[in-house]
Amino acid sequence: EVQLVESGGGLVQAGGSLRLSCAASGFAFDDYSIGWLRQAPGKEREGVSCISSTDGTTYYADSVKGRFTISRDNAKNTVYLQMNSLKPGDTAVYYCATGSAGLSRSSWYVPYMYDYWGQGTQVTVSS
């Protein structure tokens, strides 16, 4: 059974930092790109960042470039999202998900390019 479990969310003041973790099991972790996506109240789910399975290529939404860093530890079947300089606009539920075979540079940010999802972790940034 494929499982993705996010952790590390919480309440933080603007300018603060959080590190999200996504622990995976039940599939060949090394073979999959993993993405972080988020959904704020009343808004559509959007791609935040993604890391490829092959060469570790990373992708970021323009809104988080320079502030967020994605990484993966294949030995631990875990993907991380280090979030610095957080803003109130980053408030959302953050999900990790496995990328489908067709995921690419031009599609990584599209939610339907992801197959399996975690339950999400809430990130709240106060002003």
Foldseek 3Di string as FASTA:
>chain_A
DWAWAKDWADEEAAQAKIKIKIAIDDDQLLQWKKFKWWDDPPDDIWTAKIFGSPPRDMDGDPVQPPFWDWDDDSVRNMIMIIGGRDDQVVWTWMKMFTAAPPDDPVPVTPVVRGDDIHPTDTHGYHD
